[in-house]
Amino acid sequence: MANSAILLTVDGLMAAAFNRPRDPRSDAYKQGVRAALTRYVERVTPPLPFDAGTAEADAFFADEEEGRLIIARTWEQEQVA
């Protein structure tokens, strides 16, 4: 159960999502996932670090689906534990 407390932090969720073999993602995408998780876990909305309309901003906003999946998987694991 101690591991679940670690996972329920933004850093823990990011580590579980990205510190494993997977398709590579850009730094902008990872920043977006971090921002989404921060909204879900800490209830804080970080500012957009890129100019709107840029490829980096598009990658940043692609985070929402992955952020929801990470939160849903974590919640399901908590329910089973």
PDB file of N, CA and C in Angstrom:
ATOM      1  N   MET A   1       0.817  -1.194   0.000  1.00  0.00           N
ATOM      2  CA  MET A   1       0.000   0.000   0.000  1.00  0.00           C
ATOM      3  C   MET A   1       0.861   1.258   0.000  1.00  0.00           C
ATOM      4  N   ALA A   2       2.062   1.185   0.515  1.00  0.00           N
ATOM      5  CA  ALA A   2       2.946   2.353   0.531  1.00  0.00           C
ATOM      6  C   ALA A   2       3.275   2.810  -0.880  1.00  0.00           C
ATOM      7  N   ASN A   3       3.392   1.877  -1.825  1.00  0.00           N
ATOM      8  CA  ASN A   3       3.672   2.248  -3.205  1.00  0.00           C
ATOM      9  C   ASN A   3       2.548   3.062  -3.810  1.00  0.00           C
ATOM     10  N   SER A   4       1.294   2.802  -3.448  1.00  0.00           N
ATOM     11  CA  SER A   4       0.185   3.559  -4.020  1.00  0.00           C
ATOM     12  C   SER A   4       0.248   5.017  -3.598  1.00  0.00           C
ATOM     13  N   ALA A   5       0.717   5.309  -2.396  1.00  0.00           N
ATOM     14  CA  ALA A   5       0.851   6.694  -1.964  1.00  0.00           C
ATOM     15  C   ALA A   5       1.878   7.423  -2.823  1.00  0.00           C
ATOM     16  N   ILE A   6       2.929   6.728  -3.206  1.00  0.00           N
ATOM     17  CA  ILE A   6       3.938   7.335  -4.070  1.00  0.00           C
ATOM     18  C   ILE A   6       3.345   7.594  -5.447  1.00  0.00           C
ATOM     19  N   LEU A   7       2.581   6.640  -5.986  1.00  0.00           N
ATOM     20  CA  LEU A   7       1.997   6.791  -7.313  1.00  0.00           C
ATOM     21  C   LEU A   7       0.986   7.919  -7.387  1.00  0.00           C
ATOM     22  N   LEU A   8       0.348   8.255  -6.300  1.00  0.00           N
ATOM     23  CA  LEU A   8      -0.678   9.274  -6.322  1.00  0.00           C
ATOM     24  C   LEU A   8      -0.130  10.694  -6.299  1.00  0.00           C
ATOM     25  N   THR A   9       1.157  10.844  -6.495  1.00  0.00           N
ATOM     26  CA  THR A   9       1.732  12.161  -6.704  1.00  0.00           C
ATOM     27  C   THR A   9       1.925  12.351  -8.199  1.00  0.00           C
ATOM     28  N   VAL A  10       2.017  13.574  -8.629  1.00  0.00           N
ATOM     29  CA  VAL A  10       2.250  13.842 -10.050  1.00  0.00           C
ATOM     30  C   VAL A  10       3.569  13.204 -10.482  1.00  0.00           C
ATOM     31  N   ASP A  11       4.610  13.353  -9.671  1.00  0.00           N
ATOM     32  CA  ASP A  11       5.901  12.751 -10.019  1.00  0.00           C
ATOM     33  C   ASP A  11       5.806  11.232 -10.098  1.00  0.00           C
ATOM     34  N   GLY A  12       5.091  10.615  -9.165  1.00  0.00           N
ATOM     35  CA  GLY A  12       4.940   9.161  -9.171  1.00  0.00           C
ATOM     36  C   GLY A  12       4.179   8.676 -10.394  1.00  0.00           C
ATOM     37  N   LEU A  13       3.117   9.386 -10.753  1.00  0.00           N
ATOM     38  CA  LEU A  13       2.342   9.019 -11.933  1.00  0.00           C
ATOM     39  C   LEU A  13       3.155   9.202 -13.211  1.00  0.00           C
ATOM     40  N   MET A  14       3.921  10.286 -13.284  1.00  0.00           N
ATOM     41  CA  MET A  14       4.775  10.519 -14.456  1.00  0.00           C
ATOM     42  C   MET A  14       5.827   9.424 -14.571  1.00  0.00           C
ATOM     43  N   ALA A  15       6.429   9.051 -13.459  1.00  0.00           N
ATOM     44  CA  ALA A  15       7.455   8.005 -13.486  1.00  0.00           C
ATOM     45  C   ALA A  15       6.849   6.680 -13.950  1.00  0.00           C
ATOM     46  N   ALA A  16       5.674   6.349 -13.446  1.00  0.00           N
ATOM     47  CA  ALA A  16       5.030   5.101 -13.845  1.00  0.00           C
ATOM     48  C   ALA A  16       4.673   5.107 -15.329  1.00  0.00           C
ATOM     49  N   ALA A  17       4.332   6.261 -15.858  1.00  0.00           N
ATOM     50  CA  ALA A  17       3.927   6.356 -17.262  1.00  0.00           C
ATOM     51  C   ALA A  17       5.105   6.402 -18.227  1.00  0.00           C
ATOM     52  N   PHE A  18       6.183   7.057 -17.834  1.00  0.00           N
ATOM     53  CA  PHE A  18       7.253   7.319 -18.794  1.00  0.00           C
ATOM     54  C   PHE A  18       8.581   6.632 -18.494  1.00  0.00           C
ATOM     55  N   ASN A  19       8.756   6.073 -17.317  1.00  0.00           N
ATOM     56  CA  ASN A  19      10.008   5.380 -16.991  1.00  0.00           C
ATOM     57  C   ASN A  19       9.876   3.885 -17.248  1.00  0.00           C
ATOM     58  N   ARG A  20       9.441   3.572 -18.453  1.00  0.00           N
ATOM     59  CA  ARG A  20       9.268   2.190 -18.885  1.00  0.00           C
ATOM     60  C   ARG A  20       9.337   2.186 -20.407  1.00  0.00           C
ATOM     61  N   PRO A  21       9.515   1.027 -21.011  1.00  0.00           N
ATOM     62  CA  PRO A  21       9.538   0.974 -22.482  1.00  0.00           C
ATOM     63  C   PRO A  21       8.181   1.402 -23.059  1.00  0.00           C
ATOM     64  N   ARG A  22       8.210   2.317 -23.998  1.00  0.00           N
ATOM     65  CA  ARG A  22       7.012   2.808 -24.669  1.00  0.00           C
ATOM     66  C   ARG A  22       7.423   3.632 -25.874  1.00  0.00           C
ATOM     67  N   ASP A  23       6.467   4.024 -26.684  1.00  0.00           N
ATOM     68  CA  ASP A  23       6.778   4.887 -27.813  1.00  0.00           C
ATOM     69  C   ASP A  23       7.308   6.217 -27.284  1.00  0.00           C
ATOM     70  N   PRO A  24       8.347   6.746 -27.926  1.00  0.00           N
ATOM     71  CA  PRO A  24       8.904   8.029 -27.477  1.00  0.00           C
ATOM     72  C   PRO A  24       7.878   9.159 -27.620  1.00  0.00           C
ATOM     73  N   ARG A  25       7.959  10.114 -26.739  1.00  0.00           N
ATOM     74  CA  ARG A  25       7.109  11.310 -26.768  1.00  0.00           C
ATOM     75  C   ARG A  25       7.987  12.537 -26.605  1.00  0.00           C
ATOM     76  N   SER A  26       7.539  13.651 -27.171  1.00  0.00           N
ATOM     77  CA  SER A  26       8.307  14.901 -27.097  1.00  0.00           C
ATOM     78  C   SER A  26       8.236  15.483 -25.689  1.00  0.00           C
ATOM     79  N   ASP A  27       9.160  16.382 -25.415  1.00  0.00           N
ATOM     80  CA  ASP A  27       9.138  17.068 -24.122  1.00  0.00           C
ATOM     81  C   ASP A  27       7.850  17.871 -23.959  1.00  0.00           C
ATOM     82  N   ALA A  28       7.367  18.484 -25.047  1.00  0.00           N
ATOM     83  CA  ALA A  28       6.125  19.263 -24.977  1.00  0.00           C
ATOM     84  C   ALA A  28       4.945  18.363 -24.597  1.00  0.00           C
ATOM     85  N   TYR A  29       4.901  17.162 -25.159  1.00  0.00           N
ATOM     86  CA  TYR A  29       3.838  16.214 -24.826  1.00  0.00           C
ATOM     87  C   TYR A  29       3.917  15.840 -23.345  1.00  0.00           C
ATOM     88  N   LYS A  30       5.128  15.513 -22.887  1.00  0.00           N
ATOM     89  CA  LYS A  30       5.294  15.142 -21.474  1.00  0.00           C
ATOM     90  C   LYS A  30       4.919  16.295 -20.551  1.00  0.00           C
ATOM     91  N   GLN A  31       5.234  17.520 -20.938  1.00  0.00           N
ATOM     92  CA  GLN A  31       4.835  18.673 -20.130  1.00  0.00           C
ATOM     93  C   GLN A  31       3.315  18.778 -20.069  1.00  0.00           C
ATOM     94  N   GLY A  32       2.665  18.453 -21.179  1.00  0.00           N
ATOM     95  CA  GLY A  32       1.207  18.469 -21.201  1.00  0.00           C
ATOM     96  C   GLY A  32       0.605  17.406 -20.318  1.00  0.00           C
ATOM     97  N   VAL A  33       1.170  16.207 -20.341  1.00  0.00           N
ATOM     98  CA  VAL A  33       0.688  15.133 -19.462  1.00  0.00           C
ATOM     99  C   VAL A  33       0.874  15.560 -18.007  1.00  0.00           C
ATOM    100  N   ARG A  34       2.034  16.124 -17.696  1.00  0.00           N
ATOM    101  CA  ARG A  34       2.280  16.605 -16.330  1.00  0.00           C
ATOM    102  C   ARG A  34       1.243  17.657 -15.936  1.00  0.00           C
ATOM    103  N   ALA A  35       0.926  18.567 -16.853  1.00  0.00           N
ATOM    104  CA  ALA A  35      -0.072  19.609 -16.555  1.00  0.00           C
ATOM    105  C   ALA A  35      -1.439  18.992 -16.308  1.00  0.00           C
ATOM    106  N   ALA A  36      -1.824  17.990 -17.123  1.00  0.00           N
ATOM    107  CA  ALA A  36      -3.114  17.323 -16.928  1.00  0.00           C
ATOM    108  C   ALA A  36      -3.158  16.622 -15.582  1.00  0.00           C
ATOM    109  N   LEU A  37      -2.093  15.914 -15.246  1.00  0.00           N
ATOM    110  CA  LEU A  37      -2.060  15.219 -13.950  1.00  0.00           C
ATOM    111  C   LEU A  37      -2.092  16.209 -12.798  1.00  0.00           C
ATOM    112  N   THR A  38      -1.433  17.339 -12.971  1.00  0.00           N
ATOM    113  CA  THR A  38      -1.460  18.376 -11.940  1.00  0.00           C
ATOM    114  C   THR A  38      -2.892  18.882 -11.745  1.00  0.00           C
ATOM    115  N   ARG A  39      -3.636  19.035 -12.850  1.00  0.00           N
ATOM    116  CA  ARG A  39      -5.040  19.453 -12.734  1.00  0.00           C
ATOM    117  C   ARG A  39      -5.859  18.412 -11.981  1.00  0.00           C
ATOM    118  N   TYR A  40      -5.653  17.127 -12.278  1.00  0.00           N
ATOM    119  CA  TYR A  40      -6.429  16.067 -11.638  1.00  0.00           C
ATOM    120  C   TYR A  40      -6.024  15.855 -10.177  1.00  0.00           C
ATOM    121  N   VAL A  41      -4.724  15.815  -9.907  1.00  0.00           N
ATOM    122  CA  VAL A  41      -4.238  15.449  -8.572  1.00  0.00           C
ATOM    123  C   VAL A  41      -4.217  16.641  -7.618  1.00  0.00           C
ATOM    124  N   GLU A  42      -3.706  17.769  -8.094  1.00  0.00           N
ATOM    125  CA  GLU A  42      -3.510  18.923  -7.216  1.00  0.00           C
ATOM    126  C   GLU A  42      -4.578  20.001  -7.387  1.00  0.00           C
ATOM    127  N   ARG A  43      -5.445  19.823  -8.366  1.00  0.00           N
ATOM    128  CA  ARG A  43      -6.507  20.801  -8.650  1.00  0.00           C
ATOM    129  C   ARG A  43      -5.942  22.184  -8.968  1.00  0.00           C
ATOM    130  N   VAL A  44      -4.820  22.204  -9.704  1.00  0.00           N
ATOM    131  CA  VAL A  44      -4.170  23.448 -10.119  1.00  0.00           C
ATOM    132  C   VAL A  44      -3.989  23.374 -11.628  1.00  0.00           C
ATOM    133  N   THR A  45      -4.297  24.452 -12.331  1.00  0.00           N
ATOM    134  CA  THR A  45      -4.112  24.489 -13.782  1.00  0.00           C
ATOM    135  C   THR A  45      -2.855  25.292 -14.106  1.00  0.00           C
ATOM    136  N   PRO A  46      -1.791  24.600 -14.534  1.00  0.00           N
ATOM    137  CA  PRO A  46      -0.564  25.307 -14.903  1.00  0.00           C
ATOM    138  C   PRO A  46      -0.776  26.130 -16.176  1.00  0.00           C
ATOM    139  N   PRO A  47      -0.025  27.205 -16.344  1.00  0.00           N
ATOM    140  CA  PRO A  47      -0.160  28.012 -17.557  1.00  0.00           C
ATOM    141  C   PRO A  47       0.410  27.281 -18.775  1.00  0.00           C
ATOM    142  N   LEU A  48      -0.062  27.659 -19.956  1.00  0.00           N
ATOM    143  CA  LEU A  48       0.452  27.106 -21.207  1.00  0.00           C
ATOM    144  C   LEU A  48       1.856  27.649 -21.442  1.00  0.00           C
ATOM    145  N   PRO A  49       2.868  26.773 -21.525  1.00  0.00           N
ATOM    146  CA  PRO A  49       4.239  27.249 -21.676  1.00  0.00           C
ATOM    147  C   PRO A  49       4.651  27.517 -23.122  1.00  0.00           C
ATOM    148  N   PHE A  50       3.719  27.379 -24.070  1.00  0.00           N
ATOM    149  CA  PHE A  50       4.024  27.556 -25.489  1.00  0.00           C
ATOM    150  C   PHE A  50       3.041  28.529 -26.119  1.00  0.00           C
ATOM    151  N   ASP A  51       3.440  29.145 -27.213  1.00  0.00           N
ATOM    152  CA  ASP A  51       2.543  30.033 -27.946  1.00  0.00           C
ATOM    153  C   ASP A  51       1.437  29.210 -28.605  1.00  0.00           C
ATOM    154  N   ALA A  52       0.205  29.692 -28.493  1.00  0.00           N
ATOM    155  CA  ALA A  52      -0.924  29.007 -29.123  1.00  0.00           C
ATOM    156  C   ALA A  52      -0.685  28.903 -30.626  1.00  0.00           C
ATOM    157  N   GLY A  53      -1.102  27.771 -31.191  1.00  0.00           N
ATOM    158  CA  GLY A  53      -0.967  27.570 -32.620  1.00  0.00           C
ATOM    159  C   GLY A  53       0.351  26.964 -33.059  1.00  0.00           C
ATOM    160  N   THR A  54       1.252  26.706 -32.119  1.00  0.00           N
ATOM    161  CA  THR A  54       2.535  26.092 -32.470  1.00  0.00           C
ATOM    162  C   THR A  54       2.441  24.575 -32.327  1.00  0.00           C
ATOM    163  N   ALA A  55       3.374  23.885 -32.950  1.00  0.00           N
ATOM    164  CA  ALA A  55       3.412  22.426 -32.829  1.00  0.00           C
ATOM    165  C   ALA A  55       3.604  22.015 -31.375  1.00  0.00           C
ATOM    166  N   GLU A  56       4.394  22.779 -30.638  1.00  0.00           N
ATOM    167  CA  GLU A  56       4.609  22.457 -29.228  1.00  0.00           C
ATOM    168  C   GLU A  56       3.310  22.574 -28.433  1.00  0.00           C
ATOM    169  N   ALA A  57       2.525  23.612 -28.724  1.00  0.00           N
ATOM    170  CA  ALA A  57       1.246  23.773 -28.021  1.00  0.00           C
ATOM    171  C   ALA A  57       0.303  22.624 -28.376  1.00  0.00           C
ATOM    172  N   ASP A  58       0.291  22.207 -29.647  1.00  0.00           N
ATOM    173  CA  ASP A  58      -0.549  21.075 -30.045  1.00  0.00           C
ATOM    174  C   ASP A  58      -0.138  19.808 -29.295  1.00  0.00           C
ATOM    175  N   ALA A  59       1.163  19.557 -29.198  1.00  0.00           N
ATOM    176  CA  ALA A  59       1.652  18.386 -28.464  1.00  0.00           C
ATOM    177  C   ALA A  59       1.272  18.494 -26.987  1.00  0.00           C
ATOM    178  N   PHE A  60       1.405  19.677 -26.434  1.00  0.00           N
ATOM    179  CA  PHE A  60       1.053  19.922 -25.041  1.00  0.00           C
ATOM    180  C   PHE A  60      -0.413  19.565 -24.791  1.00  0.00           C
ATOM    181  N   PHE A  61      -1.311  19.963 -25.700  1.00  0.00           N
ATOM    182  CA  PHE A  61      -2.735  19.709 -25.513  1.00  0.00           C
ATOM    183  C   PHE A  61      -3.130  18.277 -25.823  1.00  0.00           C
ATOM    184  N   ALA A  62      -2.265  17.509 -26.449  1.00  0.00           N
ATOM    185  CA  ALA A  62      -2.550  16.101 -26.723  1.00  0.00           C
ATOM    186  C   ALA A  62      -2.510  15.275 -25.442  1.00  0.00           C
ATOM    187  N   ASP A  63      -2.169  15.886 -24.366  1.00  0.00           N
ATOM    188  CA  ASP A  63      -2.021  15.227 -23.070  1.00  0.00           C
ATOM    189  C   ASP A  63      -3.323  14.758 -22.461  1.00  0.00           C
ATOM    190  N   GLU A  64      -4.417  15.387 -22.759  1.00  0.00           N
ATOM    191  CA  GLU A  64      -5.645  15.183 -22.000  1.00  0.00           C
ATOM    192  C   GLU A  64      -6.071  13.715 -21.968  1.00  0.00           C
ATOM    193  N   GLU A  65      -6.048  13.059 -23.102  1.00  0.00           N
ATOM    194  CA  GLU A  65      -6.463  11.655 -23.144  1.00  0.00           C
ATOM    195  C   GLU A  65      -5.532  10.771 -22.312  1.00  0.00           C
ATOM    196  N   GLU A  66      -4.225  10.960 -22.462  1.00  0.00           N
ATOM    197  CA  GLU A  66      -3.301  10.139 -21.687  1.00  0.00           C
ATOM    198  C   GLU A  66      -3.430  10.443 -20.199  1.00  0.00           C
ATOM    199  N   GLY A  67      -3.604  11.694 -19.841  1.00  0.00           N
ATOM    200  CA  GLY A  67      -3.795  12.041 -18.428  1.00  0.00           C
ATOM    201  C   GLY A  67      -5.001  11.345 -17.834  1.00  0.00           C
ATOM    202  N   ARG A  68      -6.108  11.310 -18.584  1.00  0.00           N
ATOM    203  CA  ARG A  68      -7.315  10.612 -18.113  1.00  0.00           C
ATOM    204  C   ARG A  68      -7.063   9.118 -17.970  1.00  0.00           C
ATOM    205  N   LEU A  69      -6.347   8.542 -18.942  1.00  0.00           N
ATOM    206  CA  LEU A  69      -6.051   7.104 -18.865  1.00  0.00           C
ATOM    207  C   LEU A  69      -5.170   6.775 -17.663  1.00  0.00           C
ATOM    208  N   ILE A  70      -4.178   7.601 -17.400  1.00  0.00           N
ATOM    209  CA  ILE A  70      -3.289   7.374 -16.251  1.00  0.00           C
ATOM    210  C   ILE A  70      -4.089   7.429 -14.952  1.00  0.00           C
ATOM    211  N   ILE A  71      -4.941   8.426 -14.811  1.00  0.00           N
ATOM    212  CA  ILE A  71      -5.759   8.563 -13.606  1.00  0.00           C
ATOM    213  C   ILE A  71      -6.720   7.379 -13.486  1.00  0.00           C
ATOM    214  N   ALA A  72      -7.356   6.981 -14.586  1.00  0.00           N
ATOM    215  CA  ALA A  72      -8.307   5.861 -14.547  1.00  0.00           C
ATOM    216  C   ALA A  72      -7.608   4.565 -14.166  1.00  0.00           C
ATOM    217  N   ARG A  73      -6.443   4.292 -14.744  1.00  0.00           N
ATOM    218  CA  ARG A  73      -5.707   3.066 -14.401  1.00  0.00           C
ATOM    219  C   ARG A  73      -5.296   3.075 -12.942  1.00  0.00           C
ATOM    220  N   THR A  74      -4.857   4.214 -12.458  1.00  0.00           N
ATOM    221  CA  THR A  74      -4.433   4.315 -11.061  1.00  0.00           C
ATOM    222  C   THR A  74      -5.629   4.090 -10.136  1.00  0.00           C
ATOM    223  N   TRP A  75      -6.767   4.673 -10.478  1.00  0.00           N
ATOM    224  CA  TRP A  75      -7.968   4.503  -9.668  1.00  0.00           C
ATOM    225  C   TRP A  75      -8.386   3.036  -9.648  1.00  0.00           C
ATOM    226  N   GLU A  76      -8.347   2.376 -10.816  1.00  0.00           N
ATOM    227  CA  GLU A  76      -8.719   0.962 -10.867  1.00  0.00           C
ATOM    228  C   GLU A  76      -7.779   0.112 -10.000  1.00  0.00           C
ATOM    229  N   GLN A  77      -6.491   0.392 -10.045  1.00  0.00           N
ATOM    230  CA  GLN A  77      -5.532  -0.351  -9.229  1.00  0.00           C
ATOM    231  C   GLN A  77      -5.817  -0.149  -7.753  1.00  0.00           C
ATOM    232  N   GLU A  78      -6.193   1.061  -7.376  1.00  0.00           N
ATOM    233  CA  GLU A  78      -6.520   1.343  -5.976  1.00  0.00           C
ATOM    234  C   GLU A  78      -7.754   0.556  -5.542  1.00  0.00           C
ATOM    235  N   GLN A  79      -8.725   0.400  -6.437  1.00  0.00           N
ATOM    236  CA  GLN A  79      -9.959  -0.318  -6.104  1.00  0.00           C
ATOM    237  C   GLN A  79      -9.692  -1.816  -5.928  1.00  0.00           C
ATOM    238  N   VAL A  80      -8.751  -2.349  -6.678  1.00  0.00           N
ATOM    239  CA  VAL A  80      -8.440  -3.768  -6.603  1.00  0.00           C
ATOM    240  C   VAL A  80      -7.570  -4.069  -5.391  1.00  0.00           C
ATOM    241  N   ALA A  81      -6.720  -3.124  -4.996  1.00  0.00           N
ATOM    242  CA  ALA A  81      -5.761  -3.353  -3.907  1.00  0.00           C
ATOM    243  C   ALA A  81      -6.438  -3.551  -2.572  1.00  0.00           C
TER     244      ALA A  81
END
